[in-house]
């Protein structure tokens, strides 16, 4: 009798645990950046809503054992604190010349004002 009860409790607990894991994985961002990746960081002291939300770019130096990231600034100096993955956003810097080229072509064709 007790084996049946404990088996039922175990089965119910495993099903509940599985649902909790699935819900957690849906809501939590799983940002992983390789070493050397270019990222932008959420500005923690942004006061004015017209200022940019993200600052940077920074280079990922390494990931710590706790999961945070050590970043280097534009001058190559190590930043004073570690950044949580939720505070960093990957940037696609290689697309910038492509976008600028498109803007230049549109301006040259007279389809875009020079301002």
Foldseek 3Di string as FASTA:
>chain_A
DVVVVVVVVVVVVVVVVVVVVVVVVVPDDDDDDDFQFWKWFADPPDDDPVDDRTDAGWGFHDADPVGWTWTAGPVRHTDPDTHHRVGIDGDDVVCVVVVVVVVVVCVVVVNDDPD
